[in-house]
Amino acid sequence: MRLRVEFTTEPFDLDEPPAHALVTREVMETAALDAVEVGPFGNTAEGRADEVLSAVDTVLRKALEAGATRVSLQVNVINTAGEGGR
């Protein structure tokens, strides 16, 4: 099964990326994920379920440790041909 994760961390700082944004960016860029997109207002990545779930766990832990007061995330199953949604 493949998953897509989208998340944001808060509070926002438009002048300079806060520590929680920098650590979550590093997690996403170093994880074994596909199609990673990091942006100022949200981040997305795709990959195998176990890799995405592991990255989500690390993102949550590191973001909160680095001062995030809110993490919003969405995880979707990507239905790929031949997998039957499993």
N, C-alpha and C. Protein backbone atom coordinates (compact mmCIF):
# COMPACT_ATOMS: atom_id res chain seq x y z
N MET A 1 0.84 -1.17 0.00
CA MET A 1 0.00 0.00 0.00
C MET A 1 0.89 1.24 0.00
N ARG A 2 0.45 2.23 -0.74
CA ARG A 2 1.15 3.52 -0.78
C ARG A 2 0.28 4.57 -0.11
N LEU A 3 0.95 5.52 0.53
CA LEU A 3 0.25 6.59 1.23
C LEU A 3 0.79 7.94 0.79
N ARG A 4 -0.05 8.95 0.93
CA ARG A 4 0.36 10.35 0.74
C ARG A 4 0.08 11.07 2.06
N VAL A 5 1.06 11.79 2.56
CA VAL A 5 0.89 12.59 3.77
C VAL A 5 1.03 14.06 3.41
N GLU A 6 0.17 14.86 4.01
CA GLU A 6 0.25 16.31 3.90
C GLU A 6 0.21 16.85 5.33
N PHE A 7 1.10 17.79 5.65
CA PHE A 7 1.07 18.33 7.01
C PHE A 7 1.60 19.76 7.06
N THR A 8 1.19 20.44 8.11
CA THR A 8 1.71 21.76 8.43
C THR A 8 2.02 21.80 9.92
N THR A 9 2.98 22.64 10.28
CA THR A 9 3.29 22.85 11.68
C THR A 9 3.09 24.33 11.99
N GLU A 10 2.72 24.59 13.20
CA GLU A 10 2.48 25.97 13.64
C GLU A 10 3.18 26.20 14.96
N PRO A 11 3.49 27.41 15.33
CA PRO A 11 3.08 28.68 14.72
C PRO A 11 3.92 29.02 13.50
N PHE A 12 3.31 29.80 12.63
CA PHE A 12 3.98 30.27 11.42
C PHE A 12 4.86 31.46 11.75
N ASP A 13 5.89 31.63 10.96
CA ASP A 13 6.73 32.82 11.02
C ASP A 13 7.07 33.15 9.58
N LEU A 14 6.56 34.26 9.09
CA LEU A 14 6.77 34.60 7.69
C LEU A 14 8.15 35.17 7.41
N ASP A 15 8.84 35.62 8.45
CA ASP A 15 10.17 36.20 8.26
C ASP A 15 11.27 35.15 8.21
N GLU A 16 11.14 34.12 9.02
CA GLU A 16 12.20 33.12 9.14
C GLU A 16 11.57 31.79 9.54
N PRO A 17 11.99 30.69 8.91
CA PRO A 17 11.40 29.40 9.27
C PRO A 17 11.70 29.05 10.73
N PRO A 18 10.66 28.69 11.50
CA PRO A 18 10.89 28.32 12.90
C PRO A 18 11.59 26.96 12.99
N ALA A 19 12.14 26.68 14.16
CA ALA A 19 12.90 25.43 14.37
C ALA A 19 12.07 24.21 14.03
N HIS A 20 10.78 24.21 14.39
CA HIS A 20 9.96 23.02 14.12
C HIS A 20 9.78 22.80 12.62
N ALA A 21 9.77 23.86 11.84
CA ALA A 21 9.66 23.71 10.38
C ALA A 21 10.96 23.16 9.80
N LEU A 22 12.07 23.59 10.34
CA LEU A 22 13.36 23.11 9.84
C LEU A 22 13.58 21.63 10.16
N VAL A 23 13.22 21.20 11.37
CA VAL A 23 13.44 19.79 11.70
C VAL A 23 12.49 18.88 10.93
N THR A 24 11.27 19.32 10.69
CA THR A 24 10.36 18.46 9.92
C THR A 24 10.78 18.40 8.46
N ARG A 25 11.32 19.48 7.95
CA ARG A 25 11.85 19.47 6.58
C ARG A 25 12.97 18.45 6.47
N GLU A 26 13.87 18.45 7.43
CA GLU A 26 14.98 17.49 7.42
C GLU A 26 14.46 16.05 7.48
N VAL A 27 13.48 15.80 8.33
CA VAL A 27 12.90 14.45 8.42
C VAL A 27 12.37 14.01 7.07
N MET A 28 11.60 14.86 6.43
CA MET A 28 10.98 14.50 5.15
C MET A 28 12.02 14.30 4.06
N GLU A 29 13.03 15.15 4.04
CA GLU A 29 14.03 15.07 2.97
C GLU A 29 14.99 13.90 3.14
N THR A 30 15.14 13.38 4.36
CA THR A 30 16.06 12.27 4.58
C THR A 30 15.34 10.92 4.69
N ALA A 31 14.03 10.93 4.78
CA ALA A 31 13.27 9.68 4.85
C ALA A 31 13.25 9.02 3.47
N ALA A 32 12.98 7.73 3.45
CA ALA A 32 12.91 6.98 2.19
C ALA A 32 11.53 7.16 1.56
N LEU A 33 11.23 8.40 1.17
CA LEU A 33 9.93 8.75 0.60
C LEU A 33 10.10 9.22 -0.84
N ASP A 34 8.99 9.18 -1.57
CA ASP A 34 8.96 9.65 -2.95
C ASP A 34 8.22 10.99 -3.01
N ALA A 35 8.49 11.74 -4.02
CA ALA A 35 7.74 12.96 -4.33
C ALA A 35 7.59 13.89 -3.13
N VAL A 36 8.67 14.17 -2.45
CA VAL A 36 8.64 15.07 -1.29
C VAL A 36 8.58 16.50 -1.78
N GLU A 37 7.61 17.26 -1.26
CA GLU A 37 7.51 18.69 -1.57
C GLU A 37 7.41 19.44 -0.25
N VAL A 38 8.36 20.32 -0.03
CA VAL A 38 8.40 21.11 1.20
C VAL A 38 8.11 22.55 0.84
N GLY A 39 7.16 23.15 1.52
CA GLY A 39 6.81 24.53 1.23
C GLY A 39 6.59 25.33 2.49
N PRO A 40 6.41 26.63 2.37
CA PRO A 40 6.26 27.48 3.54
C PRO A 40 4.96 27.25 4.31
N PHE A 41 3.93 26.73 3.64
CA PHE A 41 2.64 26.56 4.31
C PHE A 41 2.17 25.11 4.34
N GLY A 42 2.99 24.20 3.88
CA GLY A 42 2.60 22.80 3.92
C GLY A 42 3.64 21.92 3.25
N ASN A 43 3.59 20.65 3.58
CA ASN A 43 4.54 19.68 3.08
C ASN A 43 3.78 18.44 2.64
N THR A 44 4.23 17.80 1.57
CA THR A 44 3.61 16.57 1.12
C THR A 44 4.70 15.57 0.75
N ALA A 45 4.34 14.30 0.88
CA ALA A 45 5.24 13.23 0.47
C ALA A 45 4.42 11.98 0.22
N GLU A 46 4.97 11.10 -0.59
CA GLU A 46 4.35 9.82 -0.89
C GLU A 46 5.37 8.73 -0.67
N GLY A 47 4.86 7.54 -0.41
CA GLY A 47 5.76 6.40 -0.27
C GLY A 47 5.03 5.18 0.21
N ARG A 48 5.82 4.12 0.46
CA ARG A 48 5.25 2.91 1.01
C ARG A 48 4.69 3.20 2.39
N ALA A 49 3.64 2.50 2.75
CA ALA A 49 2.93 2.77 4.01
C ALA A 49 3.88 2.77 5.20
N ASP A 50 4.73 1.77 5.32
CA ASP A 50 5.61 1.71 6.49
C ASP A 50 6.57 2.88 6.55
N GLU A 51 7.06 3.33 5.41
CA GLU A 51 7.97 4.48 5.38
C GLU A 51 7.25 5.78 5.73
N VAL A 52 6.05 5.96 5.20
CA VAL A 52 5.27 7.17 5.49
C VAL A 52 4.90 7.22 6.96
N LEU A 53 4.42 6.10 7.50
CA LEU A 53 4.01 6.08 8.91
C LEU A 53 5.19 6.30 9.84
N SER A 54 6.34 5.77 9.49
CA SER A 54 7.54 6.01 10.28
C SER A 54 7.92 7.49 10.24
N ALA A 55 7.87 8.08 9.06
CA ALA A 55 8.19 9.51 8.93
C ALA A 55 7.20 10.37 9.70
N VAL A 56 5.91 10.01 9.66
CA VAL A 56 4.89 10.78 10.40
C VAL A 56 5.18 10.73 11.90
N ASP A 57 5.52 9.57 12.41
CA ASP A 57 5.87 9.45 13.83
C ASP A 57 7.03 10.37 14.18
N THR A 58 8.06 10.35 13.37
CA THR A 58 9.24 11.18 13.62
C THR A 58 8.91 12.66 13.48
N VAL A 59 8.12 13.02 12.47
CA VAL A 59 7.72 14.42 12.29
C VAL A 59 6.97 14.92 13.52
N LEU A 60 6.01 14.15 14.00
CA LEU A 60 5.25 14.59 15.16
C LEU A 60 6.14 14.78 16.38
N ARG A 61 6.97 13.81 16.66
CA ARG A 61 7.84 13.89 17.84
C ARG A 61 8.82 15.07 17.75
N LYS A 62 9.49 15.19 16.61
CA LYS A 62 10.51 16.24 16.48
C LYS A 62 9.89 17.64 16.40
N ALA A 63 8.75 17.76 15.74
CA ALA A 63 8.09 19.07 15.64
C ALA A 63 7.69 19.57 17.02
N LEU A 64 7.08 18.69 17.81
CA LEU A 64 6.65 19.10 19.16
C LEU A 64 7.85 19.41 20.05
N GLU A 65 8.89 18.60 19.95
CA GLU A 65 10.11 18.86 20.73
C GLU A 65 10.74 20.19 20.35
N ALA A 66 10.59 20.60 19.08
CA ALA A 66 11.21 21.84 18.59
C ALA A 66 10.30 23.05 18.74
N GLY A 67 9.17 22.91 19.42
CA GLY A 67 8.35 24.08 19.71
C GLY A 67 7.05 24.23 18.95
N ALA A 68 6.70 23.27 18.12
CA ALA A 68 5.41 23.37 17.42
C ALA A 68 4.29 23.30 18.45
N THR A 69 3.28 24.12 18.26
CA THR A 69 2.12 24.10 19.14
C THR A 69 0.93 23.41 18.48
N ARG A 70 1.07 23.15 17.19
CA ARG A 70 0.02 22.46 16.46
C ARG A 70 0.63 21.80 15.22
N VAL A 71 0.23 20.57 14.97
CA VAL A 71 0.61 19.87 13.76
C VAL A 71 -0.69 19.34 13.15
N SER A 72 -0.97 19.78 11.94
CA SER A 72 -2.15 19.30 11.23
C SER A 72 -1.68 18.38 10.13
N LEU A 73 -2.29 17.18 10.06
CA LEU A 73 -1.87 16.28 9.01
C LEU A 73 -3.03 15.48 8.45
N GLN A 74 -2.81 15.04 7.25
CA GLN A 74 -3.78 14.22 6.54
C GLN A 74 -3.01 13.10 5.86
N VAL A 75 -3.51 11.89 5.98
CA VAL A 75 -2.89 10.74 5.33
C VAL A 75 -3.93 10.10 4.43
N ASN A 76 -3.57 9.88 3.17
CA ASN A 76 -4.47 9.27 2.20
C ASN A 76 -3.83 8.03 1.59
N VAL A 77 -4.65 7.04 1.35
CA VAL A 77 -4.21 5.86 0.61
C VAL A 77 -4.21 6.22 -0.86
N ILE A 78 -3.11 5.89 -1.53
CA ILE A 78 -3.00 6.13 -2.97
C ILE A 78 -3.35 4.81 -3.64
N ASN A 79 -4.37 4.82 -4.42
CA ASN A 79 -4.81 3.62 -5.11
C ASN A 79 -4.02 3.46 -6.40
N THR A 80 -3.08 2.56 -6.42
CA THR A 80 -2.29 2.33 -7.62
C THR A 80 -2.83 1.13 -8.38
N ALA A 81 -2.75 1.19 -9.66
CA ALA A 81 -3.25 0.11 -10.51
C ALA A 81 -2.59 -1.21 -10.15
N GLY A 82 -3.40 -2.24 -10.07
CA GLY A 82 -2.88 -3.57 -9.79
C GLY A 82 -2.75 -3.91 -8.33
N GLU A 83 -2.93 -2.91 -7.42
CA GLU A 83 -2.84 -3.20 -6.00
C GLU A 83 -4.19 -3.42 -5.37
N GLY A 84 -5.27 -3.04 -6.08
CA GLY A 84 -6.59 -3.25 -5.55
C GLY A 84 -6.87 -2.47 -4.28
N GLY A 85 -6.13 -1.39 -4.04
CA GLY A 85 -6.36 -0.55 -2.87
C GLY A 85 -5.82 -1.16 -1.58
N ARG A 86 -5.07 -2.25 -1.68
CA ARG A 86 -4.55 -2.88 -0.47
C ARG A 86 -3.16 -2.44 -0.16
